[in-house]
Protein backbone atom coordinates (compact mmCIF):
# COMPACT_ATOMS: atom_id res chain seq x y z
CA UNK A 1 0.00 0.00 0.00
CA UNK A 2 1.50 3.40 -0.95
CA UNK A 3 2.32 5.90 1.78
CA UNK A 4 0.01 8.91 2.06
CA UNK A 5 1.70 12.31 2.20
CA UNK A 6 -0.80 15.00 3.15
CA UNK A 7 1.87 17.68 2.66
CA UNK A 8 3.01 16.65 -0.82
CA UNK A 9 1.34 19.69 -2.42
CA UNK A 10 3.09 22.17 -0.08
CA UNK A 11 6.00 24.19 -1.44
CA UNK A 12 9.27 23.48 0.42
CA UNK A 13 10.83 26.44 2.22
CA UNK A 14 13.79 26.89 4.59
CA UNK A 15 11.65 26.51 7.72
CA UNK A 16 9.79 23.39 6.57
CA UNK A 17 10.71 19.98 8.00
CA UNK A 18 13.65 18.27 6.34
CA UNK A 19 12.82 15.73 3.65
CA UNK A 20 16.28 14.43 2.80
CA UNK A 21 19.86 14.35 3.89
CA UNK A 22 23.39 13.30 3.04
CA UNK A 23 26.69 12.58 4.76
CA UNK A 24 29.32 15.31 4.43
CA UNK A 25 33.04 14.68 4.17
CA UNK A 26 34.85 17.96 4.92
CA UNK A 27 36.96 19.24 2.01
CA UNK A 28 38.91 22.51 1.88
CA UNK A 29 38.77 22.65 -1.92
CA UNK A 30 35.29 21.58 -3.01
CA UNK A 31 31.77 22.90 -2.53
CA UNK A 32 28.99 20.50 -1.56
CA UNK A 33 26.99 19.01 -4.44
CA UNK A 34 23.74 20.04 -2.70
CA UNK A 35 23.20 23.21 -0.67
CA UNK A 36 21.67 22.08 2.63
CA UNK A 37 19.04 23.89 4.69
CA UNK A 38 20.71 22.74 7.88
CA UNK A 39 23.63 20.78 9.33
CA UNK A 40 23.84 18.30 12.18
CA UNK A 41 26.86 16.65 13.80
CA UNK A 42 27.05 13.24 15.50
CA UNK A 43 30.15 14.11 17.50
CA UNK A 44 30.44 17.65 18.84
CA UNK A 45 33.19 20.14 18.15
CA UNK A 46 34.03 23.08 15.93
CA UNK A 47 32.73 23.33 12.37
CA UNK A 48 34.52 25.49 9.78
CA UNK A 49 32.23 26.40 6.88
CA UNK A 50 31.86 28.64 3.85
CA UNK A 51 28.31 29.95 3.77
CA UNK A 52 26.08 30.37 0.72
CA UNK A 53 27.16 34.03 0.38
CA UNK A 54 30.87 33.07 0.37
CA UNK A 55 31.70 34.19 3.90
CA UNK A 56 33.87 31.81 5.92
CA UNK A 57 33.52 31.24 9.64
CA UNK A 58 34.08 28.66 12.34
CA UNK A 59 31.15 27.68 14.53
CA UNK A 60 32.60 26.70 17.92
CA UNK A 61 31.50 23.85 20.19
CA UNK A 62 28.54 22.45 18.25
CA UNK A 63 26.46 19.97 20.24
CA UNK A 64 25.69 16.50 18.79
CA UNK A 65 22.15 15.90 17.56
CA UNK A 66 21.15 19.57 17.28
CA UNK A 67 19.88 20.74 13.88
CA UNK A 68 21.69 23.97 13.00
CA UNK A 69 19.98 26.12 10.30
CA UNK A 70 23.21 26.78 8.40
CA UNK A 71 23.26 27.10 4.59
CA UNK A 72 26.86 26.06 4.04
CA UNK A 73 28.17 25.55 0.55
CA UNK A 74 31.45 24.07 1.86
CA UNK A 75 32.53 22.30 5.05
CA UNK A 76 36.25 22.72 5.62
CA UNK A 77 38.70 20.09 6.93
CA UNK A 78 40.89 22.84 8.39
CA UNK A 79 39.34 24.07 11.62
CA UNK A 80 36.71 21.31 11.87
CA UNK A 81 36.84 18.97 14.86
CA UNK A 82 33.17 17.86 14.77
CA UNK A 83 32.50 14.47 13.18
CA UNK A 84 29.57 12.66 11.61
CA UNK A 85 28.43 15.75 9.72
CA UNK A 86 25.11 15.51 7.90
CA UNK A 87 23.52 17.97 5.47
CA UNK A 88 19.74 18.23 5.63
CA UNK A 89 17.38 19.61 2.99
C-alpha atoms as a PDB file:
ATOM      1  CA  UNK A   1       0.000   0.000   0.000  1.00  0.00           C
ATOM      2  CA  UNK A   2       1.501   3.404  -0.953  1.00  0.00           C
ATOM      3  CA  UNK A   3       2.321   5.896   1.776  1.00  0.00           C
ATOM      4  CA  UNK A   4       0.008   8.906   2.060  1.00  0.00           C
ATOM      5  CA  UNK A   5       1.700  12.307   2.203  1.00  0.00           C
ATOM      6  CA  UNK A   6      -0.800  14.995   3.155  1.00  0.00           C
ATOM      7  CA  UNK A   7       1.867  17.680   2.663  1.00  0.00           C
ATOM      8  CA  UNK A   8       3.012  16.654  -0.823  1.00  0.00           C
ATOM      9  CA  UNK A   9       1.342  19.686  -2.420  1.00  0.00           C
ATOM     10  CA  UNK A  10       3.088  22.168  -0.080  1.00  0.00           C
ATOM     11  CA  UNK A  11       5.997  24.195  -1.443  1.00  0.00           C
ATOM     12  CA  UNK A  12       9.269  23.484   0.421  1.00  0.00           C
ATOM     13  CA  UNK A  13      10.834  26.440   2.221  1.00  0.00           C
ATOM     14  CA  UNK A  14      13.794  26.886   4.586  1.00  0.00           C
ATOM     15  CA  UNK A  15      11.653  26.514   7.724  1.00  0.00           C
ATOM     16  CA  UNK A  16       9.786  23.391   6.570  1.00  0.00           C
ATOM     17  CA  UNK A  17      10.709  19.979   7.999  1.00  0.00           C
ATOM     18  CA  UNK A  18      13.652  18.275   6.338  1.00  0.00           C
ATOM     19  CA  UNK A  19      12.818  15.733   3.652  1.00  0.00           C
ATOM     20  CA  UNK A  20      16.284  14.430   2.797  1.00  0.00           C
ATOM     21  CA  UNK A  21      19.861  14.348   3.894  1.00  0.00           C
ATOM     22  CA  UNK A  22      23.387  13.296   3.035  1.00  0.00           C
ATOM     23  CA  UNK A  23      26.686  12.583   4.757  1.00  0.00           C
ATOM     24  CA  UNK A  24      29.319  15.305   4.434  1.00  0.00           C
ATOM     25  CA  UNK A  25      33.042  14.684   4.168  1.00  0.00           C
ATOM     26  CA  UNK A  26      34.854  17.956   4.915  1.00  0.00           C
ATOM     27  CA  UNK A  27      36.961  19.241   2.009  1.00  0.00           C
ATOM     28  CA  UNK A  28      38.914  22.506   1.878  1.00  0.00           C
ATOM     29  CA  UNK A  29      38.768  22.654  -1.924  1.00  0.00           C
ATOM     30  CA  UNK A  30      35.286  21.582  -3.014  1.00  0.00           C
ATOM     31  CA  UNK A  31      31.769  22.899  -2.528  1.00  0.00           C
ATOM     32  CA  UNK A  32      28.993  20.501  -1.556  1.00  0.00           C
ATOM     33  CA  UNK A  33      26.991  19.014  -4.439  1.00  0.00           C
ATOM     34  CA  UNK A  34      23.743  20.040  -2.700  1.00  0.00           C
ATOM     35  CA  UNK A  35      23.204  23.214  -0.672  1.00  0.00           C
ATOM     36  CA  UNK A  36      21.672  22.079   2.632  1.00  0.00           C
ATOM     37  CA  UNK A  37      19.039  23.893   4.689  1.00  0.00           C
ATOM     38  CA  UNK A  38      20.713  22.745   7.880  1.00  0.00           C
ATOM     39  CA  UNK A  39      23.627  20.785   9.326  1.00  0.00           C
ATOM     40  CA  UNK A  40      23.844  18.300  12.179  1.00  0.00           C
ATOM     41  CA  UNK A  41      26.861  16.650  13.798  1.00  0.00           C
ATOM     42  CA  UNK A  42      27.047  13.243  15.496  1.00  0.00           C
ATOM     43  CA  UNK A  43      30.154  14.108  17.499  1.00  0.00           C
ATOM     44  CA  UNK A  44      30.441  17.647  18.843  1.00  0.00           C
ATOM     45  CA  UNK A  45      33.187  20.136  18.149  1.00  0.00           C
ATOM     46  CA  UNK A  46      34.031  23.077  15.927  1.00  0.00           C
ATOM     47  CA  UNK A  47      32.732  23.329  12.372  1.00  0.00           C
ATOM     48  CA  UNK A  48      34.518  25.489   9.782  1.00  0.00           C
ATOM     49  CA  UNK A  49      32.233  26.399   6.883  1.00  0.00           C
ATOM     50  CA  UNK A  50      31.864  28.638   3.853  1.00  0.00           C
ATOM     51  CA  UNK A  51      28.306  29.945   3.772  1.00  0.00           C
ATOM     52  CA  UNK A  52      26.079  30.370   0.715  1.00  0.00           C
ATOM     53  CA  UNK A  53      27.161  34.027   0.384  1.00  0.00           C
ATOM     54  CA  UNK A  54      30.869  33.065   0.370  1.00  0.00           C
ATOM     55  CA  UNK A  55      31.702  34.189   3.897  1.00  0.00           C
ATOM     56  CA  UNK A  56      33.871  31.809   5.923  1.00  0.00           C
ATOM     57  CA  UNK A  57      33.515  31.241   9.639  1.00  0.00           C
ATOM     58  CA  UNK A  58      34.081  28.665  12.343  1.00  0.00           C
ATOM     59  CA  UNK A  59      31.152  27.685  14.533  1.00  0.00           C
ATOM     60  CA  UNK A  60      32.597  26.699  17.916  1.00  0.00           C
ATOM     61  CA  UNK A  61      31.505  23.850  20.187  1.00  0.00           C
ATOM     62  CA  UNK A  62      28.540  22.452  18.255  1.00  0.00           C
ATOM     63  CA  UNK A  63      26.457  19.972  20.237  1.00  0.00           C
ATOM     64  CA  UNK A  64      25.693  16.500  18.794  1.00  0.00           C
ATOM     65  CA  UNK A  65      22.148  15.903  17.563  1.00  0.00           C
ATOM     66  CA  UNK A  66      21.149  19.569  17.280  1.00  0.00           C
ATOM     67  CA  UNK A  67      19.885  20.737  13.881  1.00  0.00           C
ATOM     68  CA  UNK A  68      21.688  23.973  13.001  1.00  0.00           C
ATOM     69  CA  UNK A  69      19.985  26.115  10.299  1.00  0.00           C
ATOM     70  CA  UNK A  70      23.212  26.779   8.399  1.00  0.00           C
ATOM     71  CA  UNK A  71      23.256  27.099   4.591  1.00  0.00           C
ATOM     72  CA  UNK A  72      26.862  26.059   4.045  1.00  0.00           C
ATOM     73  CA  UNK A  73      28.174  25.548   0.545  1.00  0.00           C
ATOM     74  CA  UNK A  74      31.454  24.073   1.864  1.00  0.00           C
ATOM     75  CA  UNK A  75      32.531  22.304   5.050  1.00  0.00           C
ATOM     76  CA  UNK A  76      36.249  22.715   5.618  1.00  0.00           C
ATOM     77  CA  UNK A  77      38.696  20.094   6.932  1.00  0.00           C
ATOM     78  CA  UNK A  78      40.893  22.835   8.386  1.00  0.00           C
ATOM     79  CA  UNK A  79      39.337  24.068  11.617  1.00  0.00           C
ATOM     80  CA  UNK A  80      36.712  21.313  11.869  1.00  0.00           C
ATOM     81  CA  UNK A  81      36.835  18.974  14.859  1.00  0.00           C
ATOM     82  CA  UNK A  82      33.167  17.861  14.769  1.00  0.00           C
ATOM     83  CA  UNK A  83      32.498  14.468  13.184  1.00  0.00           C
ATOM     84  CA  UNK A  84      29.569  12.657  11.614  1.00  0.00           C
ATOM     85  CA  UNK A  85      28.431  15.753   9.716  1.00  0.00           C
ATOM     86  CA  UNK A  86      25.106  15.514   7.903  1.00  0.00           C
ATOM     87  CA  UNK A  87      23.523  17.969   5.472  1.00  0.00           C
ATOM     88  CA  UNK A  88      19.736  18.226   5.632  1.00  0.00           C
ATOM     89  CA  UNK A  89      17.381  19.608   2.988  1.00  0.00           C
END
